[in-house]
Amino acid sequence: KSGCFPGGVNKVASGDQCAQLFTDKMGDSS
């Protein structure tokens, strides 16, 4: 289901078509 998997159901021409995300710590927890 990856956007870059050849022949996948969610194939996109560029990663710019994907939601852009990042991770970060939430509050004081790990």
Full PDB file with SEQRES, HELIX, SHEET, SSBOND, CRYST1, ORIGX, SCALE, CONECT and MASTER records, all heavy atoms in Angstrom:
SEQRES   1 A   30  LYS SER GLY CYS PHE PRO GLY GLY VAL ASN LYS VAL ALA          
SEQRES   2 A   30  SER GLY ASP GLN CYS ALA GLN LEU PHE THR ASP LYS MET          
SEQRES   3 A   30  GLY ASP SER SER                                              
HELIX    1 AA1 GLY A   15  GLN A   17  5                                   3    
CRYST1    1.000    1.000    1.000  90.00  90.00  90.00 P 1           1          
ORIGX1      1.000000  0.000000  0.000000        0.00000                         
ORIGX2      0.000000  1.000000  0.000000        0.00000                         
ORIGX3      0.000000  0.000000  1.000000        0.00000                         
SCALE1      1.000000  0.000000  0.000000        0.00000                         
SCALE2      0.000000  1.000000  0.000000        0.00000                         
SCALE3      0.000000  0.000000  1.000000        0.00000                         
ATOM      1  N   LYS A   1       0.814  -1.209   0.000  1.00  0.00           N  
ATOM      2  CA  LYS A   1       0.000   0.000   0.000  1.00  0.00           C  
ATOM      3  C   LYS A   1       0.851   1.264   0.000  1.00  0.00           C  
ATOM      4  O   LYS A   1       0.338   2.360   0.032  1.00  0.00           O  
ATOM      5  CB  LYS A   1      -0.933   0.000   1.207  1.00  0.00           C  
ATOM      6  CG  LYS A   1      -1.971  -1.107   1.124  1.00  0.00           C  
ATOM      7  CD  LYS A   1      -2.928  -1.023   2.262  1.00  0.00           C  
ATOM      8  CE  LYS A   1      -3.984  -2.119   2.144  1.00  0.00           C  
ATOM      9  NZ  LYS A   1      -4.973  -2.032   3.185  1.00  0.00           N  
ATOM     10  N   SER A   2       2.176   1.117  -0.032  1.00  0.00           N  
ATOM     11  CA  SER A   2       3.079   2.256  -0.039  1.00  0.00           C  
ATOM     12  C   SER A   2       2.909   3.075  -1.312  1.00  0.00           C  
ATOM     13  O   SER A   2       2.604   2.538  -2.377  1.00  0.00           O  
ATOM     14  CB  SER A   2       4.519   1.753   0.062  1.00  0.00           C  
ATOM     15  OG  SER A   2       5.421   2.789  -0.188  1.00  0.00           O  
ATOM     16  N   GLY A   3       3.165   4.365  -1.212  1.00  0.00           N  
ATOM     17  CA  GLY A   3       3.057   5.241  -2.379  1.00  0.00           C  
ATOM     18  C   GLY A   3       4.112   4.984  -3.430  1.00  0.00           C  
ATOM     19  O   GLY A   3       3.987   5.422  -4.561  1.00  0.00           O  
ATOM     20  N   CYS A   4       5.178   4.274  -3.071  1.00  0.00           N  
ATOM     21  CA  CYS A   4       6.240   4.026  -4.059  1.00  0.00           C  
ATOM     22  C   CYS A   4       6.306   2.568  -4.492  1.00  0.00           C  
ATOM     23  O   CYS A   4       7.140   2.212  -5.310  1.00  0.00           O  
ATOM     24  CB  CYS A   4       7.588   4.461  -3.493  1.00  0.00           C  
ATOM     25  SG  CYS A   4       8.147   3.489  -2.102  1.00  0.00           S  
ATOM     26  N   PHE A   5       5.433   1.728  -3.977  1.00  0.00           N  
ATOM     27  CA  PHE A   5       5.480   0.312  -4.345  1.00  0.00           C  
ATOM     28  C   PHE A   5       5.033   0.146  -5.795  1.00  0.00           C  
ATOM     29  O   PHE A   5       3.937   0.557  -6.169  1.00  0.00           O  
ATOM     30  CB  PHE A   5       4.574  -0.509  -3.423  1.00  0.00           C  
ATOM     31  CG  PHE A   5       4.784  -1.985  -3.558  1.00  0.00           C  
ATOM     32  CD1 PHE A   5       5.789  -2.624  -2.846  1.00  0.00           C  
ATOM     33  CD2 PHE A   5       3.995  -2.742  -4.408  1.00  0.00           C  
ATOM     34  CE1 PHE A   5       6.007  -3.984  -2.983  1.00  0.00           C  
ATOM     35  CE2 PHE A   5       4.198  -4.098  -4.554  1.00  0.00           C  
ATOM     36  CZ  PHE A   5       5.207  -4.724  -3.832  1.00  0.00           C  
ATOM     37  N   PRO A   6       5.896  -0.441  -6.646  1.00  0.00           N  
ATOM     38  CA  PRO A   6       5.539  -0.603  -8.066  1.00  0.00           C  
ATOM     39  C   PRO A   6       4.224  -1.365  -8.238  1.00  0.00           C  
ATOM     40  O   PRO A   6       4.061  -2.458  -7.719  1.00  0.00           O  
ATOM     41  CB  PRO A   6       6.705  -1.409  -8.641  1.00  0.00           C  
ATOM     42  CG  PRO A   6       7.831  -1.189  -7.680  1.00  0.00           C  
ATOM     43  CD  PRO A   6       7.194  -1.020  -6.323  1.00  0.00           C  
ATOM     44  N   GLY A   7       3.287  -0.759  -8.930  1.00  0.00           N  
ATOM     45  CA  GLY A   7       1.995  -1.399  -9.172  1.00  0.00           C  
ATOM     46  C   GLY A   7       1.073  -1.373  -7.966  1.00  0.00           C  
ATOM     47  O   GLY A   7      -0.001  -1.954  -7.990  1.00  0.00           O  
ATOM     48  N   GLY A   8       1.496  -0.694  -6.891  1.00  0.00           N  
ATOM     49  CA  GLY A   8       0.676  -0.636  -5.680  1.00  0.00           C  
ATOM     50  C   GLY A   8      -0.592   0.170  -5.877  1.00  0.00           C  
ATOM     51  O   GLY A   8      -0.699   0.996  -6.788  1.00  0.00           O  
ATOM     52  N   VAL A   9      -1.561  -0.036  -5.012  1.00  0.00           N  
ATOM     53  CA  VAL A   9      -2.857   0.644  -5.136  1.00  0.00           C  
ATOM     54  C   VAL A   9      -2.758   2.128  -4.847  1.00  0.00           C  
ATOM     55  O   VAL A   9      -3.625   2.899  -5.234  1.00  0.00           O  
ATOM     56  CB  VAL A   9      -3.913  -0.001  -4.210  1.00  0.00           C  
ATOM     57  CG1 VAL A   9      -4.194  -1.434  -4.598  1.00  0.00           C  
ATOM     58  CG2 VAL A   9      -3.480   0.072  -2.750  1.00  0.00           C  
ATOM     59  N   ASN A  10      -1.713   2.560  -4.166  1.00  0.00           N  
ATOM     60  CA  ASN A  10      -1.554   3.972  -3.818  1.00  0.00           C  
ATOM     61  C   ASN A  10      -0.386   4.631  -4.548  1.00  0.00           C  
ATOM     62  O   ASN A  10       0.145   5.634  -4.099  1.00  0.00           O  
ATOM     63  CB  ASN A  10      -1.352   4.112  -2.301  1.00  0.00           C  
ATOM     64  CG  ASN A  10      -2.585   3.717  -1.542  1.00  0.00           C  
ATOM     65  OD1 ASN A  10      -3.691   4.050  -1.922  1.00  0.00           O  
ATOM     66  ND2 ASN A  10      -2.414   2.980  -0.463  1.00  0.00           N  
ATOM     67  N   LYS A  11       0.009   4.089  -5.683  1.00  0.00           N  
ATOM     68  CA  LYS A  11       1.164   4.579  -6.442  1.00  0.00           C  
ATOM     69  C   LYS A  11       1.020   6.067  -6.754  1.00  0.00           C  
ATOM     70  O   LYS A  11      -0.024   6.519  -7.206  1.00  0.00           O  
ATOM     71  CB  LYS A  11       1.300   3.780  -7.735  1.00  0.00           C  
ATOM     72  CG  LYS A  11       2.451   4.196  -8.615  1.00  0.00           C  
ATOM     73  CD  LYS A  11       3.735   3.594  -8.131  1.00  0.00           C  
ATOM     74  CE  LYS A  11       4.835   3.884  -9.137  1.00  0.00           C  
ATOM     75  NZ  LYS A  11       6.101   4.067  -8.535  1.00  0.00           N  
ATOM     76  N   VAL A  12       2.090   6.817  -6.476  1.00  0.00           N  
ATOM     77  CA  VAL A  12       2.133   8.239  -6.815  1.00  0.00           C  
ATOM     78  C   VAL A  12       3.385   8.503  -7.639  1.00  0.00           C  
ATOM     79  O   VAL A  12       4.357   7.759  -7.581  1.00  0.00           O  
ATOM     80  CB  VAL A  12       2.134   9.133  -5.549  1.00  0.00           C  
ATOM     81  CG1 VAL A  12       0.818   9.025  -4.816  1.00  0.00           C  
ATOM     82  CG2 VAL A  12       3.290   8.807  -4.634  1.00  0.00           C  
ATOM     83  N   ALA A  13       3.363   9.567  -8.415  1.00  0.00           N  
ATOM     84  CA  ALA A  13       4.494   9.903  -9.268  1.00  0.00           C  
ATOM     85  C   ALA A  13       5.622  10.562  -8.476  1.00  0.00           C  
ATOM     86  O   ALA A  13       6.777  10.503  -8.865  1.00  0.00           O  
ATOM     87  CB  ALA A  13       4.040  10.827 -10.393  1.00  0.00           C  
ATOM     88  N   SER A  14       5.278  11.194  -7.362  1.00  0.00           N  
ATOM     89  CA  SER A  14       6.270  11.920  -6.576  1.00  0.00           C  
ATOM     90  C   SER A  14       5.886  11.900  -5.099  1.00  0.00           C  
ATOM     91  O   SER A  14       4.698  11.904  -4.758  1.00  0.00           O  
ATOM     92  CB  SER A  14       6.338  13.376  -7.060  1.00  0.00           C  
ATOM     93  OG  SER A  14       7.032  14.183  -6.149  1.00  0.00           O  
ATOM     94  N   GLY A  15       6.888  11.911  -4.229  1.00  0.00           N  
ATOM     95  CA  GLY A  15       6.632  11.969  -2.798  1.00  0.00           C  
ATOM     96  C   GLY A  15       5.939  13.251  -2.380  1.00  0.00           C  
ATOM     97  O   GLY A  15       5.361  13.340  -1.295  1.00  0.00           O  
ATOM     98  N   ASP A  16       5.985  14.275  -3.249  1.00  0.00           N  
ATOM     99  CA  ASP A  16       5.284  15.522  -2.950  1.00  0.00           C  
ATOM    100  C   ASP A  16       3.771  15.320  -2.899  1.00  0.00           C  
ATOM    101  O   ASP A  16       3.048  16.165  -2.376  1.00  0.00           O  
ATOM    102  CB  ASP A  16       5.613  16.591  -4.000  1.00  0.00           C  
ATOM    103  CG  ASP A  16       7.052  17.079  -3.884  1.00  0.00           C  
ATOM    104  OD1 ASP A  16       7.661  16.892  -2.804  1.00  0.00           O  
ATOM    105  OD2 ASP A  16       7.568  17.628  -4.865  1.00  0.00           O  
ATOM    106  N   GLN A  17       3.282  14.222  -3.460  1.00  0.00           N  
ATOM    107  CA  GLN A  17       1.852  13.928  -3.438  1.00  0.00           C  
ATOM    108  C   GLN A  17       1.424  13.249  -2.135  1.00  0.00           C  
ATOM    109  O   GLN A  17       0.252  13.027  -1.917  1.00  0.00           O  
ATOM    110  CB  GLN A  17       1.489  13.043  -4.629  1.00  0.00           C  
ATOM    111  CG  GLN A  17       1.704  13.730  -5.960  1.00  0.00           C  
ATOM    112  CD  GLN A  17       1.511  12.775  -7.112  1.00  0.00           C  
ATOM    113  OE1 GLN A  17       2.368  11.955  -7.408  1.00  0.00           O  
ATOM    114  NE2 GLN A  17       0.359  12.874  -7.749  1.00  0.00           N  
ATOM    115  N   CYS A  18       2.395  12.914  -1.285  1.00  0.00           N  
ATOM    116  CA  CYS A  18       2.118  12.278   0.004  1.00  0.00           C  
ATOM    117  C   CYS A  18       1.965  13.337   1.088  1.00  0.00           C  
ATOM    118  O   CYS A  18       2.490  14.437   0.970  1.00  0.00           O  
ATOM    119  CB  CYS A  18       3.265  11.352   0.389  1.00  0.00           C  
ATOM    120  SG  CYS A  18       3.571  10.005  -0.766  1.00  0.00           S  
ATOM    121  N   ALA A  19       1.278  12.997   2.153  1.00  0.00           N  
ATOM    122  CA  ALA A  19       1.214  13.870   3.315  1.00  0.00           C  
ATOM    123  C   ALA A  19       2.622  13.961   3.900  1.00  0.00           C  
ATOM    124  O   ALA A  19       3.312  12.952   4.029  1.00  0.00           O  
ATOM    125  CB  ALA A  19       0.244  13.312   4.350  1.00  0.00           C  
ATOM    126  N   GLN A  20       3.067  15.157   4.224  1.00  0.00           N  
ATOM    127  CA  GLN A  20       4.398  15.374   4.785  1.00  0.00           C  
ATOM    128  C   GLN A  20       4.268  15.420   6.308  1.00  0.00           C  
ATOM    129  O   GLN A  20       3.502  16.216   6.851  1.00  0.00           O  
ATOM    130  CB  GLN A  20       4.986  16.691   4.267  1.00  0.00           C  
ATOM    131  CG  GLN A  20       4.952  16.834   2.751  1.00  0.00           C  
ATOM    132  CD  GLN A  20       5.702  15.739   2.028  1.00  0.00           C  
ATOM    133  OE1 GLN A  20       6.837  15.435   2.344  1.00  0.00           O  
ATOM    134  NE2 GLN A  20       5.056  15.128   1.040  1.00  0.00           N  
ATOM    135  N   LEU A  21       5.002  14.545   6.985  1.00  0.00           N  
ATOM    136  CA  LEU A  21       4.852  14.389   8.431  1.00  0.00           C  
ATOM    137  C   LEU A  21       6.213  14.389   9.119  1.00  0.00           C  
ATOM    138  O   LEU A  21       7.241  14.273   8.480  1.00  0.00           O  
ATOM    139  CB  LEU A  21       4.125  13.075   8.718  1.00  0.00           C  
ATOM    140  CG  LEU A  21       2.832  12.844   7.941  1.00  0.00           C  
ATOM    141  CD1 LEU A  21       2.431  11.389   7.996  1.00  0.00           C  
ATOM    142  CD2 LEU A  21       1.739  13.741   8.476  1.00  0.00           C  
ATOM    143  N   PHE A  22       6.204  14.507  10.449  1.00  0.00           N  
ATOM    144  CA  PHE A  22       7.419  14.349  11.240  1.00  0.00           C  
ATOM    145  C   PHE A  22       7.032  13.848  12.620  1.00  0.00           C  
ATOM    146  O   PHE A  22       5.864  13.895  13.005  1.00  0.00           O  
ATOM    147  CB  PHE A  22       8.228  15.657  11.329  1.00  0.00           C  
ATOM    148  CG  PHE A  22       7.600  16.721  12.193  1.00  0.00           C  
ATOM    149  CD1 PHE A  22       8.045  16.930  13.491  1.00  0.00           C  
ATOM    150  CD2 PHE A  22       6.573  17.517  11.717  1.00  0.00           C  
ATOM    151  CE1 PHE A  22       7.482  17.915  14.298  1.00  0.00           C  
ATOM    152  CE2 PHE A  22       6.000  18.509  12.506  1.00  0.00           C  
ATOM    153  CZ  PHE A  22       6.464  18.698  13.803  1.00  0.00           C  
ATOM    154  N   THR A  23       8.003  13.344  13.353  1.00  0.00           N  
ATOM    155  CA  THR A  23       7.727  12.871  14.706  1.00  0.00           C  
ATOM    156  C   THR A  23       8.400  13.799  15.704  1.00  0.00           C  
ATOM    157  O   THR A  23       9.408  14.442  15.411  1.00  0.00           O  
ATOM    158  CB  THR A  23       8.249  11.440  14.936  1.00  0.00           C  
ATOM    159  OG1 THR A  23       9.663  11.429  14.747  1.00  0.00           O  
ATOM    160  CG2 THR A  23       7.579  10.450  14.000  1.00  0.00           C  
ATOM    161  N   ASP A  24       7.810  13.882  16.894  1.00  0.00           N  
ATOM    162  CA  ASP A  24       8.383  14.690  17.955  1.00  0.00           C  
ATOM    163  C   ASP A  24       7.883  14.152  19.287  1.00  0.00           C  
ATOM    164  O   ASP A  24       6.833  13.508  19.351  1.00  0.00           O  
ATOM    165  CB  ASP A  24       7.971  16.150  17.788  1.00  0.00           C  
ATOM    166  CG  ASP A  24       8.897  17.106  18.540  1.00  0.00           C  
ATOM    167  OD1 ASP A  24       9.869  16.654  19.170  1.00  0.00           O  
ATOM    168  OD2 ASP A  24       8.642  18.321  18.480  1.00  0.00           O  
ATOM    169  N   LYS A  25       8.656  14.427  20.337  1.00  0.00           N  
ATOM    170  CA  LYS A  25       8.232  13.995  21.673  1.00  0.00           C  
ATOM    171  C   LYS A  25       6.965  14.732  22.063  1.00  0.00           C  
ATOM    172  O   LYS A  25       6.775  15.896  21.729  1.00  0.00           O  
ATOM    173  CB  LYS A  25       9.327  14.253  22.692  1.00  0.00           C  
ATOM    174  CG  LYS A  25      10.453  13.266  22.595  1.00  0.00           C  
ATOM    175  CD  LYS A  25      11.336  13.351  23.802  1.00  0.00           C  
ATOM    176  CE  LYS A  25      12.361  12.234  23.713  1.00  0.00           C  
ATOM    177  NZ  LYS A  25      13.168  12.162  24.900  1.00  0.00           N  
ATOM    178  N   MET A  26       6.111  14.040  22.789  1.00  0.00           N  
ATOM    179  CA  MET A  26       4.848  14.608  23.244  1.00  0.00           C  
ATOM    180  C   MET A  26       4.936  14.881  24.743  1.00  0.00           C  
ATOM    181  O   MET A  26       5.006  13.946  25.531  1.00  0.00           O  
ATOM    182  CB  MET A  26       3.692  13.652  22.938  1.00  0.00           C  
ATOM    183  CG  MET A  26       3.591  13.247  21.476  1.00  0.00           C  
ATOM    184  SD  MET A  26       3.283  14.609  20.364  1.00  0.00           S  
ATOM    185  CE  MET A  26       1.598  14.987  20.769  1.00  0.00           C  
ATOM    186  N   GLY A  27       4.989  16.145  25.123  1.00  0.00           N  
ATOM    187  CA  GLY A  27       5.050  16.502  26.537  1.00  0.00           C  
ATOM    188  C   GLY A  27       6.334  16.041  27.194  1.00  0.00           C  
ATOM    189  O   GLY A  27       7.393  16.005  26.575  1.00  0.00           O  
ATOM    190  N   ASP A  28       6.242  15.659  28.467  1.00  0.00           N  
ATOM    191  CA  ASP A  28       7.408  15.235  29.235  1.00  0.00           C  
ATOM    192  C   ASP A  28       7.680  13.740  29.137  1.00  0.00           C  
ATOM    193  O   ASP A  28       8.636  13.250  29.722  1.00  0.00           O  
ATOM    194  CB  ASP A  28       7.217  15.606  30.712  1.00  0.00           C  
ATOM    195  CG  ASP A  28       7.196  17.108  30.913  1.00  0.00           C  
ATOM    196  OD1 ASP A  28       7.788  17.818  30.082  1.00  0.00           O  
ATOM    197  OD2 ASP A  28       6.580  17.567  31.886  1.00  0.00           O  
ATOM    198  N   SER A  29       6.832  13.003  28.429  1.00  0.00           N  
ATOM    199  CA  SER A  29       6.997  11.550  28.363  1.00  0.00           C  
ATOM    200  C   SER A  29       7.976  11.168  27.258  1.00  0.00           C  
ATOM    201  O   SER A  29       8.460  12.006  26.513  1.00  0.00           O  
ATOM    202  CB  SER A  29       5.649  10.870  28.111  1.00  0.00           C  
ATOM    203  OG  SER A  29       5.247  11.081  26.771  1.00  0.00           O  
ATOM    204  N   SER A  30       8.259   9.886  27.167  1.00  0.00           N  
ATOM    205  CA  SER A  30       9.124   9.399  26.094  1.00  0.00           C  
ATOM    206  C   SER A  30       8.318   9.049  24.853  1.00  0.00           C  
ATOM    207  O   SER A  30       8.872   8.595  23.865  1.00  0.00           O  
ATOM    208  CB  SER A  30       9.916   8.179  26.574  1.00  0.00           C  
ATOM    209  OG  SER A  30       9.023   7.135  26.911  1.00  0.00           O  
TER     210      SER A  30                                                      
MASTER        0    0    0    1    0    0    0    6  209    1    0    3          
END                                                                             
